[in-house]
C-alpha atoms as a PDB file:
ATOM      1  CA  MET A   1       0.000   0.000   0.000  1.00  0.00           C
ATOM      2  CA  PRO A   2       1.491   3.406  -0.920  1.00  0.00           C
ATOM      3  CA  ASN A   3       2.284   5.903   1.774  1.00  0.00           C
ATOM      4  CA  GLN A   4      -0.714   8.181   2.239  1.00  0.00           C
ATOM      5  CA  ILE A   5       0.841  11.107   4.104  1.00  0.00           C
ATOM      6  CA  GLN A   6      -0.827  14.387   3.194  1.00  0.00           C
ATOM      7  CA  VAL A   7       0.757  17.799   3.815  1.00  0.00           C
ATOM      8  CA  ILE A   8      -0.907  21.174   4.345  1.00  0.00           C
ATOM      9  CA  ALA A   9       0.493  24.460   5.643  1.00  0.00           C
ATOM     10  CA  PRO A  10      -1.847  26.013   8.228  1.00  0.00           C
ATOM     11  CA  TYR A  11      -1.389  29.597   9.407  1.00  0.00           C
ATOM     12  CA  TRP A  12      -3.221  31.906  11.788  1.00  0.00           C
ATOM     13  CA  LEU A  13      -5.619  34.357  10.145  1.00  0.00           C
ATOM     14  CA  ASP A  14      -6.300  37.243  12.531  1.00  0.00           C
ATOM     15  CA  SER A  15      -9.406  38.415  10.670  1.00  0.00           C
ATOM     16  CA  ALA A  16     -10.968  34.964  11.127  1.00  0.00           C
ATOM     17  CA  GLY A  17      -9.562  34.417  14.614  1.00  0.00           C
ATOM     18  CA  THR A  18      -8.539  30.860  13.786  1.00  0.00           C
ATOM     19  CA  TRP A  19      -6.132  28.594  11.971  1.00  0.00           C
ATOM     20  CA  VAL A  20      -6.741  28.263   8.229  1.00  0.00           C
ATOM     21  CA  PHE A  21      -5.005  26.648   5.265  1.00  0.00           C
ATOM     22  CA  ASP A  22      -4.880  26.924   1.492  1.00  0.00           C
ATOM     23  CA  ASP A  23      -4.567  23.925  -0.810  1.00  0.00           C
ATOM     24  CA  VAL A  24      -4.581  24.603  -4.541  1.00  0.00           C
ATOM     25  CA  ALA A  25      -4.854  20.872  -5.320  1.00  0.00           C
ATOM     26  CA  THR A  26      -8.218  20.652  -3.518  1.00  0.00           C
ATOM     27  CA  ASP A  27      -9.507  24.170  -4.307  1.00  0.00           C
ATOM     28  CA  LEU A  28      -9.503  25.196  -0.632  1.00  0.00           C
ATOM     29  CA  VAL A  29      -8.626  28.787   0.233  1.00  0.00           C
ATOM     30  CA  ARG A  30      -8.520  30.062   3.810  1.00  0.00           C
ATOM     31  CA  GLU A  31     -10.296  26.895   4.921  1.00  0.00           C
ATOM     32  CA  PRO A  32     -10.866  27.407   8.654  1.00  0.00           C
ATOM     33  CA  PHE A  33     -10.360  24.977  11.498  1.00  0.00           C
ATOM     34  CA  VAL A  34     -13.236  25.298  13.989  1.00  0.00           C
ATOM     35  CA  ASN A  35     -14.975  23.636  16.957  1.00  0.00           C
ATOM     36  CA  GLY A  36     -12.064  22.492  19.105  1.00  0.00           C
ATOM     37  CA  ILE A  37      -9.525  21.912  16.349  1.00  0.00           C
ATOM     38  CA  PRO A  38      -7.756  25.293  16.906  1.00  0.00           C
ATOM     39  CA  ALA A  39      -6.948  24.274  20.508  1.00  0.00           C
ATOM     40  CA  MET A  40      -5.664  20.915  19.249  1.00  0.00           C
ATOM     41  CA  ILE A  41      -3.425  22.734  16.768  1.00  0.00           C
ATOM     42  CA  ASP A  42      -2.170  25.100  19.486  1.00  0.00           C
ATOM     43  CA  ASP A  43      -1.105  22.036  21.496  1.00  0.00           C
ATOM     44  CA  LEU A  44       0.483  20.418  18.430  1.00  0.00           C
ATOM     45  CA  VAL A  45       2.616  23.477  17.579  1.00  0.00           C
ATOM     46  CA  ALA A  46       3.545  24.501  21.136  1.00  0.00           C
ATOM     47  CA  GLU A  47       7.245  23.864  20.442  1.00  0.00           C
ATOM     48  CA  ILE A  48       7.362  25.504  16.994  1.00  0.00           C
ATOM     49  CA  PRO A  49       8.574  29.124  17.084  1.00  0.00           C
ATOM     50  CA  ASN A  50       6.306  31.550  15.214  1.00  0.00           C
ATOM     51  CA  ALA A  51       3.929  28.744  14.212  1.00  0.00           C
ATOM     52  CA  ARG A  52       1.165  31.287  13.584  1.00  0.00           C
ATOM     53  CA  ASP A  53       3.155  32.504  10.576  1.00  0.00           C
ATOM     54  CA  GLY A  54       2.776  29.020   9.096  1.00  0.00           C
ATOM     55  CA  PHE A  55       3.947  25.468   9.648  1.00  0.00           C
ATOM     56  CA  LEU A  56       3.703  22.130   7.883  1.00  0.00           C
ATOM     57  CA  MET A  57       1.094  19.653   9.070  1.00  0.00           C
ATOM     58  CA  LEU A  58       1.555  16.056   7.990  1.00  0.00           C
ATOM     59  CA  PHE A  59      -1.436  13.770   8.419  1.00  0.00           C
ATOM     60  CA  SER A  60      -2.466  10.252   7.515  1.00  0.00           C
ATOM     61  CA  GLY A  61      -5.070   7.635   8.277  1.00  0.00           C
ATOM     62  CA  SER A  62      -2.179   5.275   9.137  1.00  0.00           C
ATOM     63  CA  PRO A  63       0.702   5.642  11.582  1.00  0.00           C
ATOM     64  CA  PHE A  64       3.916   7.043  10.133  1.00  0.00           C
ATOM     65  CA  PRO A  65       7.398   7.519  11.626  1.00  0.00           C
ATOM     66  CA  GLY A  66       7.571  10.490  13.964  1.00  0.00           C
ATOM     67  CA  TYR A  67       3.847  11.241  14.216  1.00  0.00           C
ATOM     68  CA  GLN A  68       3.032  13.364  17.279  1.00  0.00           C
ATOM     69  CA  LYS A  69      -0.657  12.765  17.933  1.00  0.00           C
ATOM     70  CA  ARG A  70      -3.236  10.106  17.250  1.00  0.00           C
ATOM     71  CA  LEU A  71      -6.793  11.340  16.858  1.00  0.00           C
ATOM     72  CA  GLU A  72      -9.559   8.811  17.298  1.00  0.00           C
ATOM     73  CA  TRP A  73     -12.879   9.082  15.445  1.00  0.00           C
ATOM     74  CA  VAL A  74     -15.832   9.734  17.773  1.00  0.00           C
ATOM     75  CA  ARG A  75     -18.906  10.383  15.621  1.00  0.00           C
ATOM     76  CA  GLU A  76     -20.317  12.031  12.509  1.00  0.00           C
ATOM     77  CA  GLU A  77     -22.261  15.271  12.849  1.00  0.00           C
ATOM     78  CA  MET A  78     -23.633  17.622  10.204  1.00  0.00           C
ATOM     79  CA  GLY A  79     -21.482  16.206   7.421  1.00  0.00           C
ATOM     80  CA  GLY A  80     -18.270  16.505   9.437  1.00  0.00           C
ATOM     81  CA  ASN A  81     -16.597  14.255  11.963  1.00  0.00           C
ATOM     82  CA  TRP A  82     -15.563  14.599  15.594  1.00  0.00           C
ATOM     83  CA  TYR A  83     -12.138  13.330  16.647  1.00  0.00           C
ATOM     84  CA  GLN A  84     -10.520  13.157  20.078  1.00  0.00           C
ATOM     85  CA  THR A  85      -7.064  12.950  21.592  1.00  0.00           C
ATOM     86  CA  ASP A  86      -6.210  11.509  24.973  1.00  0.00           C
ATOM     87  CA  SER A  87      -3.190  13.605  25.886  1.00  0.00           C
ATOM     88  CA  PRO A  88      -4.393  16.198  26.524  1.00  0.00           C
ATOM     89  CA  ALA A  89      -8.036  15.152  26.463  1.00  0.00           C
ATOM     90  CA  MET A  90      -9.629  17.205  23.666  1.00  0.00           C
ATOM     91  CA  GLN A  91     -12.278  16.870  20.976  1.00  0.00           C
ATOM     92  CA  GLY A  92     -12.571  18.711  17.688  1.00  0.00           C
ATOM     93  CA  TRP A  93     -14.778  18.688  14.613  1.00  0.00           C
ATOM     94  CA  LEU A  94     -13.336  18.348  11.124  1.00  0.00           C
ATOM     95  CA  CYS A  95     -15.637  19.747   8.458  1.00  0.00           C
ATOM     96  CA  PRO A  96     -16.531  17.965   5.195  1.00  0.00           C
ATOM     97  CA  ALA A  97     -13.292  19.289   3.637  1.00  0.00           C
ATOM     98  CA  LEU A  98     -11.832  16.113   5.195  1.00  0.00           C
ATOM     99  CA  PHE A  99     -13.331  14.266   2.231  1.00  0.00           C
ATOM    100  CA  ARG A 100     -11.047  16.159  -0.149  1.00  0.00           C
ATOM    101  CA  TYR A 101      -8.296  13.960   1.346  1.00  0.00           C
ATOM    102  CA  PHE A 102     -10.114  10.737   2.296  1.00  0.00           C
ATOM    103  CA  ASP A 103     -12.951   8.783   0.677  1.00  0.00           C
ATOM    104  CA  GLU A 104     -14.420   8.168   4.131  1.00  0.00           C
ATOM    105  CA  ALA A 105     -13.626   9.428   7.618  1.00  0.00           C
ATOM    106  CA  PRO A 106     -10.650   7.441   8.942  1.00  0.00           C
ATOM    107  CA  GLY A 107     -11.076   5.669  12.267  1.00  0.00           C
ATOM    108  CA  GLU A 108      -7.800   7.267  13.317  1.00  0.00           C
ATOM    109  CA  LEU A 109      -5.795  10.231  12.125  1.00  0.00           C
ATOM    110  CA  TYR A 110      -2.086  10.604  12.786  1.00  0.00           C
ATOM    111  CA  VAL A 111      -0.591  14.098  12.709  1.00  0.00           C
ATOM    112  CA  LYS A 112       2.736  15.861  13.005  1.00  0.00           C
ATOM    113  CA  ALA A 113       3.685  19.535  12.915  1.00  0.00           C
ATOM    114  CA  GLU A 114       6.991  20.664  11.431  1.00  0.00           C
ATOM    115  CA  VAL A 115       8.754  23.977  10.993  1.00  0.00           C
ATOM    116  CA  MET A 116       8.191  25.428   7.562  1.00  0.00           C
ATOM    117  CA  ASN A 117      11.531  26.305   5.996  1.00  0.00           C
ATOM    118  CA  LEU A 118      11.019  29.305   3.737  1.00  0.00           C
END
């Protein structure tokens, strides 16, 4: 099975008051993270200097070397999906844009944040 690691580059958008990302390949522009996901991202990037200026987020439905967090699927709601982490205990909702990357909501998501080298 080929490696299915996806990469996006979230950044903080002051006018929206949340993390957003652009992805030309999926026609997403300033796609916002909402409903608990911003707090999860804050935790994920706590060690990355100036993360609000942008960072790389790697994610996959399968474990990959060096992943930082495992998110477990909780339930579907309003076309999106709730995921949770155990450490720290948090829940967040991923909107239907998730389906631009996956055919169906993965039972688990594995994520890692990296410094973006400009």
